[in-house]
Amino acid sequence: MTGEAVSSRPVPWTHWLTAARPATLSAAVAPVLVGAAAAGADGHFRPPVFAATLAAALLIQIGTNLANDLFDFERGADTAERLGPPRVAQSGLIPPEQVRLGTYVAFGAAAGLGLYLMFVGGWPIVAIGVLSIAAGVAYTGGPWPLGYHGLGDLLVFVFFGLVALAGTYYLQAEELSVVALVAAVPVGLLVTAILVANNLRDIETDARAGKRTLAVRLGERPTRLQYALLVLGAYACLPALLLVDVGAWAWLPWLTLPLALVLSRTVLLGARGRALNPVLKWTAQLHLAFGSLLALGLLL
């Protein structure tokens, strides 16, 4: 803690719901669904392990959201000029010391579930859990926050795409598969697109606050192209699944292509500021729908 006394004033549960950012939680759900489905298609599925993995992933996402809320407020990146949904520390909905405590609780609960998952998957799962929590904190916290130095996109792709999906498969099958690794790439691209939409919206305010996201470093136009490439690149990756003996049902995510095209067009045509909030929301929904259909396609 920072030496502050934690306020005893009760915080309405709706404020904690705002702090958890439920619209972003699909980022944790989709890779677990696809990883478990890939394992199930190979004859490996353990429901208790799946439930614990999903709960741990959600808790890490919530902990990351709370840490981001707190550290961005403390660093001055979240101000009254914020264009996105309200942040609880900056807006005063929850005192910063309680946001800090909530961060500890979320990550602590994830670590508690990790003890069970450790017995299932061994030390590789310990390493994944520790690194995932560390990444959640290091994104906006610590002496050299990764998100402030343009590394947030890579961090999200690796941990919310490759690691989350491959780790889920490993917990079910106690081994890795080429299918899981190939499937992790489009899932990782789409979850990264969520962050890119967020950072595109905040380019001006982040630049003023000294938050040098990749969007700030690249500039507006290249970031718009980056978003479209990430979204449409996810569909370009799907044929690779046919090369690793996945059936034609793996094409199911193409049903979401119309939404992907609409979102890409909206971004490329110059939507900015608060007009990007719906893009952010629907990119998260696209990620979940794409992942759900891919999971179904792997099982069929």
C-alpha atoms as a PDB file:
ATOM      1  CA  MET A   1       0.000   0.000   0.000  1.00  0.00           C
ATOM      2  CA  THR A   2       1.037   3.630  -0.234  1.00  0.00           C
ATOM      3  CA  GLY A   3       0.500   4.561   3.388  1.00  0.00           C
ATOM      4  CA  GLU A   4      -3.035   5.870   2.861  1.00  0.00           C
ATOM      5  CA  ALA A   5      -5.766   4.606   5.161  1.00  0.00           C
ATOM      6  CA  VAL A   6      -8.319   2.678   3.168  1.00  0.00           C
ATOM      7  CA  SER A   7     -11.615   4.545   3.301  1.00  0.00           C
ATOM      8  CA  SER A   8     -14.392   2.841   5.222  1.00  0.00           C
ATOM      9  CA  ARG A   9     -17.031   4.523   3.067  1.00  0.00           C
ATOM     10  CA  PRO A  10     -18.996   1.752   1.327  1.00  0.00           C
ATOM     11  CA  VAL A  11     -18.694   1.767  -2.436  1.00  0.00           C
ATOM     12  CA  PRO A  12     -21.842   0.864  -4.412  1.00  0.00           C
ATOM     13  CA  TRP A  13     -21.447  -2.375  -6.320  1.00  0.00           C
ATOM     14  CA  THR A  14     -22.360  -0.551  -9.522  1.00  0.00           C
ATOM     15  CA  HIS A  15     -19.165   1.499  -9.163  1.00  0.00           C
ATOM     16  CA  TRP A  16     -17.117  -1.690  -8.876  1.00  0.00           C
ATOM     17  CA  LEU A  17     -18.903  -3.008 -11.962  1.00  0.00           C
ATOM     18  CA  THR A  18     -17.852   0.147 -13.807  1.00  0.00           C
ATOM     19  CA  ALA A  19     -14.287  -0.347 -12.565  1.00  0.00           C
ATOM     20  CA  ALA A  20     -14.233  -3.956 -13.809  1.00  0.00           C
ATOM     21  CA  ARG A  21     -15.144  -2.741 -17.328  1.00  0.00           C
ATOM     22  CA  PRO A  22     -17.458  -5.628 -18.251  1.00  0.00           C
ATOM     23  CA  ALA A  23     -17.384  -4.655 -21.935  1.00  0.00           C
ATOM     24  CA  THR A  24     -13.693  -5.620 -22.039  1.00  0.00           C
ATOM     25  CA  LEU A  25     -13.978  -8.982 -20.293  1.00  0.00           C
ATOM     26  CA  SER A  26     -14.561 -10.839 -23.542  1.00  0.00           C
ATOM     27  CA  ALA A  27     -10.832 -10.353 -24.079  1.00  0.00           C
ATOM     28  CA  ALA A  28     -10.326 -12.968 -21.356  1.00  0.00           C
ATOM     29  CA  VAL A  29     -13.185 -15.264 -22.408  1.00  0.00           C
ATOM     30  CA  ALA A  30     -12.493 -15.835 -26.116  1.00  0.00           C
ATOM     31  CA  PRO A  31      -8.981 -17.361 -25.845  1.00  0.00           C
ATOM     32  CA  VAL A  32     -10.098 -19.716 -23.077  1.00  0.00           C
ATOM     33  CA  LEU A  33     -13.076 -20.877 -25.160  1.00  0.00           C
ATOM     34  CA  VAL A  34     -10.923 -21.526 -28.217  1.00  0.00           C
ATOM     35  CA  GLY A  35      -8.143 -23.214 -26.254  1.00  0.00           C
ATOM     36  CA  ALA A  36     -10.590 -25.508 -24.469  1.00  0.00           C
ATOM     37  CA  ALA A  37     -12.373 -26.301 -27.738  1.00  0.00           C
ATOM     38  CA  ALA A  38      -9.094 -27.199 -29.439  1.00  0.00           C
ATOM     39  CA  ALA A  39      -8.314 -29.540 -26.557  1.00  0.00           C
ATOM     40  CA  GLY A  40     -11.829 -30.991 -26.624  1.00  0.00           C
ATOM     41  CA  ALA A  41     -11.474 -31.730 -30.331  1.00  0.00           C
ATOM     42  CA  ASP A  42      -8.372 -33.753 -29.432  1.00  0.00           C
ATOM     43  CA  GLY A  43     -10.272 -35.692 -26.780  1.00  0.00           C
ATOM     44  CA  HIS A  44      -9.123 -33.690 -23.760  1.00  0.00           C
ATOM     45  CA  PHE A  45     -11.656 -31.744 -21.729  1.00  0.00           C
ATOM     46  CA  ARG A  46     -11.902 -31.391 -17.957  1.00  0.00           C
ATOM     47  CA  PRO A  47     -14.826 -29.164 -16.908  1.00  0.00           C
ATOM     48  CA  PRO A  48     -13.435 -28.195 -13.457  1.00  0.00           C
ATOM     49  CA  VAL A  49     -10.135 -27.142 -15.035  1.00  0.00           C
ATOM     50  CA  PHE A  50     -11.994 -25.157 -17.689  1.00  0.00           C
ATOM     51  CA  ALA A  51     -14.070 -23.353 -15.049  1.00  0.00           C
ATOM     52  CA  ALA A  52     -10.992 -22.502 -12.969  1.00  0.00           C
ATOM     53  CA  THR A  53      -9.071 -21.336 -16.047  1.00  0.00           C
ATOM     54  CA  LEU A  54     -11.907 -19.084 -17.163  1.00  0.00           C
ATOM     55  CA  ALA A  55     -12.358 -17.622 -13.677  1.00  0.00           C
ATOM     56  CA  ALA A  56      -8.616 -16.969 -13.324  1.00  0.00           C
ATOM     57  CA  ALA A  57      -8.479 -15.312 -16.751  1.00  0.00           C
ATOM     58  CA  LEU A  58     -11.408 -13.042 -15.863  1.00  0.00           C
ATOM     59  CA  LEU A  59      -9.826 -12.101 -12.538  1.00  0.00           C
ATOM     60  CA  ILE A  60      -6.528 -11.241 -14.220  1.00  0.00           C
ATOM     61  CA  GLN A  61      -8.425  -9.072 -16.714  1.00  0.00           C
ATOM     62  CA  ILE A  62     -10.320  -7.324 -13.909  1.00  0.00           C
ATOM     63  CA  GLY A  63      -7.118  -6.840 -11.926  1.00  0.00           C
ATOM     64  CA  THR A  64      -5.441  -5.385 -15.009  1.00  0.00           C
ATOM     65  CA  ASN A  65      -8.374  -3.006 -15.548  1.00  0.00           C
ATOM     66  CA  LEU A  66      -8.251  -1.829 -11.935  1.00  0.00           C
ATOM     67  CA  ALA A  67      -4.475  -1.369 -12.060  1.00  0.00           C
ATOM     68  CA  ASN A  68      -4.797   0.580 -15.314  1.00  0.00           C
ATOM     69  CA  ASP A  69      -7.500   2.782 -13.773  1.00  0.00           C
ATOM     70  CA  LEU A  70      -5.344   3.524 -10.727  1.00  0.00           C
ATOM     71  CA  PHE A  71      -1.975   4.022 -12.401  1.00  0.00           C
ATOM     72  CA  ASP A  72      -3.312   6.154 -15.268  1.00  0.00           C
ATOM     73  CA  PHE A  73      -4.958   8.394 -12.654  1.00  0.00           C
ATOM     74  CA  GLU A  74      -1.777   8.638 -10.605  1.00  0.00           C
ATOM     75  CA  ARG A  75       0.312   9.439 -13.688  1.00  0.00           C
ATOM     76  CA  GLY A  76      -2.149  12.073 -14.903  1.00  0.00           C
ATOM     77  CA  ALA A  77      -3.161  10.224 -18.068  1.00  0.00           C
ATOM     78  CA  ASP A  78      -6.845  10.144 -17.021  1.00  0.00           C
ATOM     79  CA  THR A  79      -8.244  13.654 -16.645  1.00  0.00           C
ATOM     80  CA  ALA A  80     -11.567  15.444 -16.993  1.00  0.00           C
ATOM     81  CA  GLU A  81     -10.834  15.601 -20.740  1.00  0.00           C
ATOM     82  CA  ARG A  82     -11.110  11.816 -21.025  1.00  0.00           C
ATOM     83  CA  LEU A  83     -13.135  10.758 -24.099  1.00  0.00           C
ATOM     84  CA  GLY A  84     -13.862   7.181 -23.065  1.00  0.00           C
ATOM     85  CA  PRO A  85     -16.159   5.725 -20.400  1.00  0.00           C
ATOM     86  CA  PRO A  86     -15.546   7.065 -16.872  1.00  0.00           C
ATOM     87  CA  ARG A  87     -12.632   5.785 -14.838  1.00  0.00           C
ATOM     88  CA  VAL A  88     -13.500   5.329 -11.197  1.00  0.00           C
ATOM     89  CA  ALA A  89     -10.350   6.800  -9.646  1.00  0.00           C
ATOM     90  CA  GLN A  90     -10.280   9.895 -11.849  1.00  0.00           C
ATOM     91  CA  SER A  91     -14.022  10.544 -11.509  1.00  0.00           C
ATOM     92  CA  GLY A  92     -14.045   9.986  -7.738  1.00  0.00           C
ATOM     93  CA  LEU A  93     -16.484   7.071  -7.893  1.00  0.00           C
ATOM     94  CA  ILE A  94     -14.056   4.927  -5.878  1.00  0.00           C
ATOM     95  CA  PRO A  95     -11.196   6.337  -3.753  1.00  0.00           C
ATOM     96  CA  PRO A  96      -7.789   5.454  -5.240  1.00  0.00           C
ATOM     97  CA  GLU A  97      -6.759   3.493  -2.138  1.00  0.00           C
ATOM     98  CA  GLN A  98      -9.813   1.262  -2.557  1.00  0.00           C
ATOM     99  CA  VAL A  99      -9.047   0.765  -6.252  1.00  0.00           C
ATOM    100  CA  ARG A 100      -5.576  -0.343  -5.159  1.00  0.00           C
ATOM    101  CA  LEU A 101      -7.073  -2.766  -2.663  1.00  0.00           C
ATOM    102  CA  GLY A 102      -9.451  -4.094  -5.316  1.00  0.00           C
ATOM    103  CA  THR A 103      -6.480  -4.691  -7.599  1.00  0.00           C
ATOM    104  CA  TYR A 104      -4.789  -6.747  -4.889  1.00  0.00           C
ATOM    105  CA  VAL A 105      -7.974  -8.731  -4.285  1.00  0.00           C
ATOM    106  CA  ALA A 106      -8.505  -9.529  -7.983  1.00  0.00           C
ATOM    107  CA  PHE A 107      -4.924 -10.617  -8.584  1.00  0.00           C
ATOM    108  CA  GLY A 108      -4.849 -12.461  -5.245  1.00  0.00           C
ATOM    109  CA  ALA A 109      -7.981 -14.430  -6.131  1.00  0.00           C
ATOM    110  CA  ALA A 110      -6.456 -15.271  -9.526  1.00  0.00           C
ATOM    111  CA  ALA A 111      -3.314 -16.490  -7.756  1.00  0.00           C
ATOM    112  CA  GLY A 112      -5.477 -18.603  -5.442  1.00  0.00           C
ATOM    113  CA  LEU A 113      -7.061 -20.345  -8.415  1.00  0.00           C
ATOM    114  CA  GLY A 114      -3.564 -20.646  -9.819  1.00  0.00           C
ATOM    115  CA  LEU A 115      -2.619 -22.933  -6.935  1.00  0.00           C
ATOM    116  CA  TYR A 116      -5.218 -25.434  -8.138  1.00  0.00           C
ATOM    117  CA  LEU A 117      -4.159 -24.997 -11.753  1.00  0.00           C
ATOM    118  CA  MET A 118      -0.539 -25.500 -10.681  1.00  0.00           C
ATOM    119  CA  PHE A 119      -1.400 -28.977  -9.419  1.00  0.00           C
ATOM    120  CA  VAL A 120      -3.043 -29.680 -12.768  1.00  0.00           C
ATOM    121  CA  GLY A 121      -0.426 -28.247 -15.095  1.00  0.00           C
ATOM    122  CA  GLY A 122       2.749 -28.023 -13.026  1.00  0.00           C
ATOM    123  CA  TRP A 123       5.417 -25.338 -13.042  1.00  0.00           C
ATOM    124  CA  PRO A 124       4.768 -24.087 -16.601  1.00  0.00           C
ATOM    125  CA  ILE A 125       1.388 -22.858 -15.367  1.00  0.00           C
ATOM    126  CA  VAL A 126       3.039 -21.146 -12.391  1.00  0.00           C
ATOM    127  CA  ALA A 127       5.300 -19.272 -14.804  1.00  0.00           C
ATOM    128  CA  ILE A 128       2.348 -18.297 -17.006  1.00  0.00           C
ATOM    129  CA  GLY A 129       0.313 -17.093 -14.029  1.00  0.00           C
ATOM    130  CA  VAL A 130       3.126 -15.055 -12.499  1.00  0.00           C
ATOM    131  CA  LEU A 131       4.063 -13.473 -15.828  1.00  0.00           C
ATOM    132  CA  SER A 132       0.420 -12.707 -16.663  1.00  0.00           C
ATOM    133  CA  ILE A 133      -0.150 -10.897 -13.370  1.00  0.00           C
ATOM    134  CA  ALA A 134       3.182  -9.101 -13.711  1.00  0.00           C
ATOM    135  CA  ALA A 135       2.218  -8.005 -17.226  1.00  0.00           C
ATOM    136  CA  GLY A 136      -1.135  -6.729 -15.950  1.00  0.00           C
ATOM    137  CA  VAL A 137       0.667  -4.498 -13.460  1.00  0.00           C
ATOM    138  CA  ALA A 138       3.565  -3.522 -15.719  1.00  0.00           C
ATOM    139  CA  TYR A 139       1.221  -2.351 -18.481  1.00  0.00           C
ATOM    140  CA  THR A 140       0.666   0.996 -16.709  1.00  0.00           C
ATOM    141  CA  GLY A 141       2.489   0.542 -13.395  1.00  0.00           C
ATOM    142  CA  GLY A 142       6.030   0.262 -12.136  1.00  0.00           C
ATOM    143  CA  PRO A 143       9.070   2.395 -12.934  1.00  0.00           C
ATOM    144  CA  TRP A 144       8.886   1.710 -16.697  1.00  0.00           C
ATOM    145  CA  PRO A 145       5.226   1.083 -17.655  1.00  0.00           C
ATOM    146  CA  LEU A 146       5.131  -0.844 -20.904  1.00  0.00           C
ATOM    147  CA  GLY A 147       1.982   0.831 -22.184  1.00  0.00           C
ATOM    148  CA  TYR A 148       3.650   4.233 -21.832  1.00  0.00           C
ATOM    149  CA  HIS A 149       6.552   3.126 -24.018  1.00  0.00           C
ATOM    150  CA  GLY A 150       4.653   1.715 -26.987  1.00  0.00           C
ATOM    151  CA  LEU A 151       4.766  -1.947 -25.949  1.00  0.00           C
ATOM    152  CA  GLY A 152       1.135  -2.386 -24.927  1.00  0.00           C
ATOM    153  CA  ASP A 153       0.066  -3.820 -28.286  1.00  0.00           C
ATOM    154  CA  LEU A 154       2.730  -6.528 -28.171  1.00  0.00           C
ATOM    155  CA  LEU A 155       1.923  -7.281 -24.529  1.00  0.00           C
ATOM    156  CA  VAL A 156      -1.770  -7.778 -25.278  1.00  0.00           C
ATOM    157  CA  PHE A 157      -1.126  -9.941 -28.355  1.00  0.00           C
ATOM    158  CA  VAL A 158       1.238 -12.221 -26.448  1.00  0.00           C
ATOM    159  CA  PHE A 159      -0.630 -12.591 -23.147  1.00  0.00           C
ATOM    160  CA  PHE A 160      -4.295 -12.249 -24.170  1.00  0.00           C
ATOM    161  CA  GLY A 161      -3.768 -14.171 -27.380  1.00  0.00           C
ATOM    162  CA  LEU A 162      -0.907 -16.651 -27.561  1.00  0.00           C
ATOM    163  CA  VAL A 163      -0.312 -17.344 -23.869  1.00  0.00           C
ATOM    164  CA  ALA A 164      -3.968 -17.441 -22.799  1.00  0.00           C
ATOM    165  CA  LEU A 165      -5.045 -19.796 -25.569  1.00  0.00           C
ATOM    166  CA  ALA A 166      -2.014 -22.075 -25.538  1.00  0.00           C
ATOM    167  CA  GLY A 167      -2.039 -22.136 -21.744  1.00  0.00           C
ATOM    168  CA  THR A 168      -5.698 -23.185 -21.721  1.00  0.00           C
ATOM    169  CA  TYR A 169      -4.957 -26.026 -24.141  1.00  0.00           C
ATOM    170  CA  TYR A 170      -1.992 -27.140 -22.053  1.00  0.00           C
ATOM    171  CA  LEU A 171      -4.108 -27.263 -18.887  1.00  0.00           C
ATOM    172  CA  GLN A 172      -6.579 -29.571 -20.611  1.00  0.00           C
ATOM    173  CA  ALA A 173      -4.187 -31.820 -22.533  1.00  0.00           C
ATOM    174  CA  GLU A 174      -0.889 -31.425 -20.603  1.00  0.00           C
ATOM    175  CA  GLU A 175       0.822 -30.781 -23.927  1.00  0.00           C
ATOM    176  CA  LEU A 176       0.711 -28.222 -26.719  1.00  0.00           C
ATOM    177  CA  SER A 177      -0.610 -28.628 -30.244  1.00  0.00           C
ATOM    178  CA  VAL A 178       0.034 -26.910 -33.533  1.00  0.00           C
ATOM    179  CA  VAL A 179      -3.708 -26.282 -33.925  1.00  0.00           C
ATOM    180  CA  ALA A 180      -3.856 -24.342 -30.658  1.00  0.00           C
ATOM    181  CA  LEU A 181      -0.844 -22.235 -31.613  1.00  0.00           C
ATOM    182  CA  VAL A 182      -2.250 -21.465 -35.069  1.00  0.00           C
ATOM    183  CA  ALA A 183      -5.685 -20.613 -33.641  1.00  0.00           C
ATOM    184  CA  ALA A 184      -4.065 -18.286 -31.101  1.00  0.00           C
ATOM    185  CA  VAL A 185      -2.843 -15.911 -33.815  1.00  0.00           C
ATOM    186  CA  PRO A 186      -6.214 -14.605 -35.131  1.00  0.00           C
ATOM    187  CA  VAL A 187      -7.595 -14.457 -31.588  1.00  0.00           C
ATOM    188  CA  GLY A 188      -4.548 -12.443 -30.548  1.00  0.00           C
ATOM    189  CA  LEU A 189      -4.870 -10.094 -33.529  1.00  0.00           C
ATOM    190  CA  LEU A 190      -8.467  -9.236 -32.676  1.00  0.00           C
ATOM    191  CA  VAL A 191      -7.823  -8.670 -28.981  1.00  0.00           C
ATOM    192  CA  THR A 192      -4.983  -6.329 -29.947  1.00  0.00           C
ATOM    193  CA  ALA A 193      -7.399  -4.446 -32.206  1.00  0.00           C
ATOM    194  CA  ILE A 194      -9.483  -3.642 -29.104  1.00  0.00           C
ATOM    195  CA  LEU A 195      -6.491  -1.894 -27.553  1.00  0.00           C
ATOM    196  CA  VAL A 196      -5.659  -0.115 -30.813  1.00  0.00           C
ATOM    197  CA  ALA A 197      -9.205   1.311 -31.035  1.00  0.00           C
ATOM    198  CA  ASN A 198      -8.851   2.533 -27.454  1.00  0.00           C
ATOM    199  CA  ASN A 199      -5.447   4.121 -28.080  1.00  0.00           C
ATOM    200  CA  LEU A 200      -6.551   5.693 -31.366  1.00  0.00           C
ATOM    201  CA  ARG A 201      -9.375   7.446 -29.530  1.00  0.00           C
ATOM    202  CA  ASP A 202      -6.975   8.699 -26.863  1.00  0.00           C
ATOM    203  CA  ILE A 203      -4.058   9.809 -29.059  1.00  0.00           C
ATOM    204  CA  GLU A 204      -4.344  13.497 -28.214  1.00  0.00           C
ATOM    205  CA  THR A 205      -4.946  13.152 -24.465  1.00  0.00           C
ATOM    206  CA  ASP A 206      -2.290  10.438 -24.130  1.00  0.00           C
ATOM    207  CA  ALA A 207       0.267  12.586 -25.967  1.00  0.00           C
ATOM    208  CA  ARG A 208      -0.415  15.529 -23.664  1.00  0.00           C
ATOM    209  CA  ALA A 209      -0.012  13.285 -20.619  1.00  0.00           C
ATOM    210  CA  GLY A 210       3.268  11.826 -21.860  1.00  0.00           C
ATOM    211  CA  LYS A 211       1.741   8.384 -22.436  1.00  0.00           C
ATOM    212  CA  ARG A 212       3.656   7.279 -25.516  1.00  0.00           C
ATOM    213  CA  THR A 213       1.471   4.443 -26.723  1.00  0.00           C
ATOM    214  CA  LEU A 214       2.232   2.888 -30.084  1.00  0.00           C
ATOM    215  CA  ALA A 215      -0.662   4.942 -31.485  1.00  0.00           C
ATOM    216  CA  VAL A 216       0.982   8.148 -30.249  1.00  0.00           C
ATOM    217  CA  ARG A 217       4.316   7.072 -31.736  1.00  0.00           C
ATOM    218  CA  LEU A 218       2.884   6.021 -35.107  1.00  0.00           C
ATOM    219  CA  GLY A 219       0.366   8.820 -35.524  1.00  0.00           C
ATOM    220  CA  GLU A 220      -3.308   8.766 -36.416  1.00  0.00           C
ATOM    221  CA  ARG A 221      -3.283   7.514 -40.009  1.00  0.00           C
ATOM    222  CA  PRO A 222      -0.877   4.580 -39.489  1.00  0.00           C
ATOM    223  CA  THR A 223      -2.857   3.576 -36.387  1.00  0.00           C
ATOM    224  CA  ARG A 224      -6.060   3.462 -38.431  1.00  0.00           C
ATOM    225  CA  LEU A 225      -4.307   1.190 -40.925  1.00  0.00           C
ATOM    226  CA  GLN A 226      -2.967  -0.908 -38.061  1.00  0.00           C
ATOM    227  CA  TYR A 227      -6.491  -1.428 -36.744  1.00  0.00           C
ATOM    228  CA  ALA A 228      -7.807  -2.571 -40.129  1.00  0.00           C
ATOM    229  CA  LEU A 229      -4.842  -4.881 -40.690  1.00  0.00           C
ATOM    230  CA  LEU A 230      -5.319  -6.502 -37.291  1.00  0.00           C
ATOM    231  CA  VAL A 231      -9.058  -7.035 -37.784  1.00  0.00           C
ATOM    232  CA  LEU A 232      -8.904  -8.271 -41.354  1.00  0.00           C
ATOM    233  CA  GLY A 233      -5.677 -10.162 -40.692  1.00  0.00           C
ATOM    234  CA  ALA A 234      -7.582 -12.418 -38.296  1.00  0.00           C
ATOM    235  CA  TYR A 235      -9.654 -13.695 -41.223  1.00  0.00           C
ATOM    236  CA  ALA A 236      -6.594 -14.060 -43.431  1.00  0.00           C
ATOM    237  CA  CYS A 237      -5.153 -16.439 -40.819  1.00  0.00           C
ATOM    238  CA  LEU A 238      -8.093 -18.857 -40.917  1.00  0.00           C
ATOM    239  CA  PRO A 239      -6.948 -20.792 -44.022  1.00  0.00           C
ATOM    240  CA  ALA A 240      -3.837 -21.805 -42.081  1.00  0.00           C
ATOM    241  CA  LEU A 241      -6.073 -24.017 -39.937  1.00  0.00           C
ATOM    242  CA  LEU A 242      -6.833 -26.118 -42.996  1.00  0.00           C
ATOM    243  CA  LEU A 243      -3.123 -26.798 -43.318  1.00  0.00           C
ATOM    244  CA  VAL A 244      -3.090 -28.396 -39.855  1.00  0.00           C
ATOM    245  CA  ASP A 245      -5.984 -30.774 -40.611  1.00  0.00           C
ATOM    246  CA  VAL A 246      -8.830 -28.737 -39.108  1.00  0.00           C
ATOM    247  CA  GLY A 247     -12.090 -29.290 -40.957  1.00  0.00           C
ATOM    248  CA  ALA A 248     -14.077 -26.803 -43.018  1.00  0.00           C
ATOM    249  CA  TRP A 249     -16.126 -25.793 -39.966  1.00  0.00           C
ATOM    250  CA  ALA A 250     -13.144 -23.658 -38.985  1.00  0.00           C
ATOM    251  CA  TRP A 251     -14.494 -21.192 -41.564  1.00  0.00           C
ATOM    252  CA  LEU A 252     -17.433 -20.376 -39.265  1.00  0.00           C
ATOM    253  CA  PRO A 253     -15.822 -17.141 -37.989  1.00  0.00           C
ATOM    254  CA  TRP A 254     -16.221 -15.738 -41.494  1.00  0.00           C
ATOM    255  CA  LEU A 255     -19.864 -15.162 -40.538  1.00  0.00           C
ATOM    256  CA  THR A 256     -18.607 -12.186 -38.535  1.00  0.00           C
ATOM    257  CA  LEU A 257     -16.791 -10.626 -41.511  1.00  0.00           C
ATOM    258  CA  PRO A 258     -19.568  -8.090 -42.282  1.00  0.00           C
ATOM    259  CA  LEU A 259     -19.146  -6.562 -38.818  1.00  0.00           C
ATOM    260  CA  ALA A 260     -15.365  -6.560 -39.255  1.00  0.00           C
ATOM    261  CA  LEU A 261     -15.713  -4.704 -42.570  1.00  0.00           C
ATOM    262  CA  VAL A 262     -18.074  -2.114 -41.079  1.00  0.00           C
ATOM    263  CA  LEU A 263     -15.731  -1.461 -38.155  1.00  0.00           C
ATOM    264  CA  SER A 264     -12.662  -1.238 -40.377  1.00  0.00           C
ATOM    265  CA  ARG A 265     -14.426   1.150 -42.747  1.00  0.00           C
ATOM    266  CA  THR A 266     -15.557   3.342 -39.839  1.00  0.00           C
ATOM    267  CA  VAL A 267     -12.009   3.613 -38.532  1.00  0.00           C
ATOM    268  CA  LEU A 268     -10.389   4.134 -41.951  1.00  0.00           C
ATOM    269  CA  LEU A 269     -12.872   6.878 -42.834  1.00  0.00           C
ATOM    270  CA  GLY A 270     -11.742   8.958 -39.882  1.00  0.00           C
ATOM    271  CA  ALA A 271     -13.986   8.353 -36.865  1.00  0.00           C
ATOM    272  CA  ARG A 272     -12.338  10.020 -33.909  1.00  0.00           C
ATOM    273  CA  GLY A 273     -12.867  10.993 -30.300  1.00  0.00           C
ATOM    274  CA  ARG A 274     -16.069   9.746 -28.707  1.00  0.00           C
ATOM    275  CA  ALA A 275     -17.228   8.391 -32.075  1.00  0.00           C
ATOM    276  CA  LEU A 276     -14.708   5.588 -31.497  1.00  0.00           C
ATOM    277  CA  ASN A 277     -16.401   4.410 -28.290  1.00  0.00           C
ATOM    278  CA  PRO A 278     -18.943   2.292 -30.243  1.00  0.00           C
ATOM    279  CA  VAL A 279     -16.073   0.946 -32.359  1.00  0.00           C
ATOM    280  CA  LEU A 280     -14.275  -0.117 -29.201  1.00  0.00           C
ATOM    281  CA  LYS A 281     -17.400  -1.802 -27.842  1.00  0.00           C
ATOM    282  CA  TRP A 282     -18.172  -3.623 -31.083  1.00  0.00           C
ATOM    283  CA  THR A 283     -14.575  -4.703 -31.613  1.00  0.00           C
ATOM    284  CA  ALA A 284     -14.795  -6.464 -28.250  1.00  0.00           C
ATOM    285  CA  GLN A 285     -18.049  -8.092 -29.377  1.00  0.00           C
ATOM    286  CA  LEU A 286     -16.441  -9.090 -32.676  1.00  0.00           C
ATOM    287  CA  HIS A 287     -13.578 -10.707 -30.770  1.00  0.00           C
ATOM    288  CA  LEU A 288     -16.016 -12.732 -28.659  1.00  0.00           C
ATOM    289  CA  ALA A 289     -18.195 -13.739 -31.624  1.00  0.00           C
ATOM    290  CA  PHE A 290     -15.162 -14.695 -33.729  1.00  0.00           C
ATOM    291  CA  GLY A 291     -13.702 -16.734 -30.867  1.00  0.00           C
ATOM    292  CA  SER A 292     -17.008 -18.440 -30.070  1.00  0.00           C
ATOM    293  CA  LEU A 293     -17.544 -19.457 -33.692  1.00  0.00           C
ATOM    294  CA  LEU A 294     -13.952 -20.627 -33.998  1.00  0.00           C
ATOM    295  CA  ALA A 295     -14.381 -22.717 -30.834  1.00  0.00           C
ATOM    296  CA  LEU A 296     -17.560 -24.240 -32.277  1.00  0.00           C
ATOM    297  CA  GLY A 297     -15.857 -24.906 -35.596  1.00  0.00           C
ATOM    298  CA  LEU A 298     -12.992 -26.746 -33.890  1.00  0.00           C
ATOM    299  CA  LEU A 299     -15.464 -28.990 -32.063  1.00  0.00           C
ATOM    300  CA  LEU A 300     -17.592 -29.881 -35.101  1.00  0.00           C
END
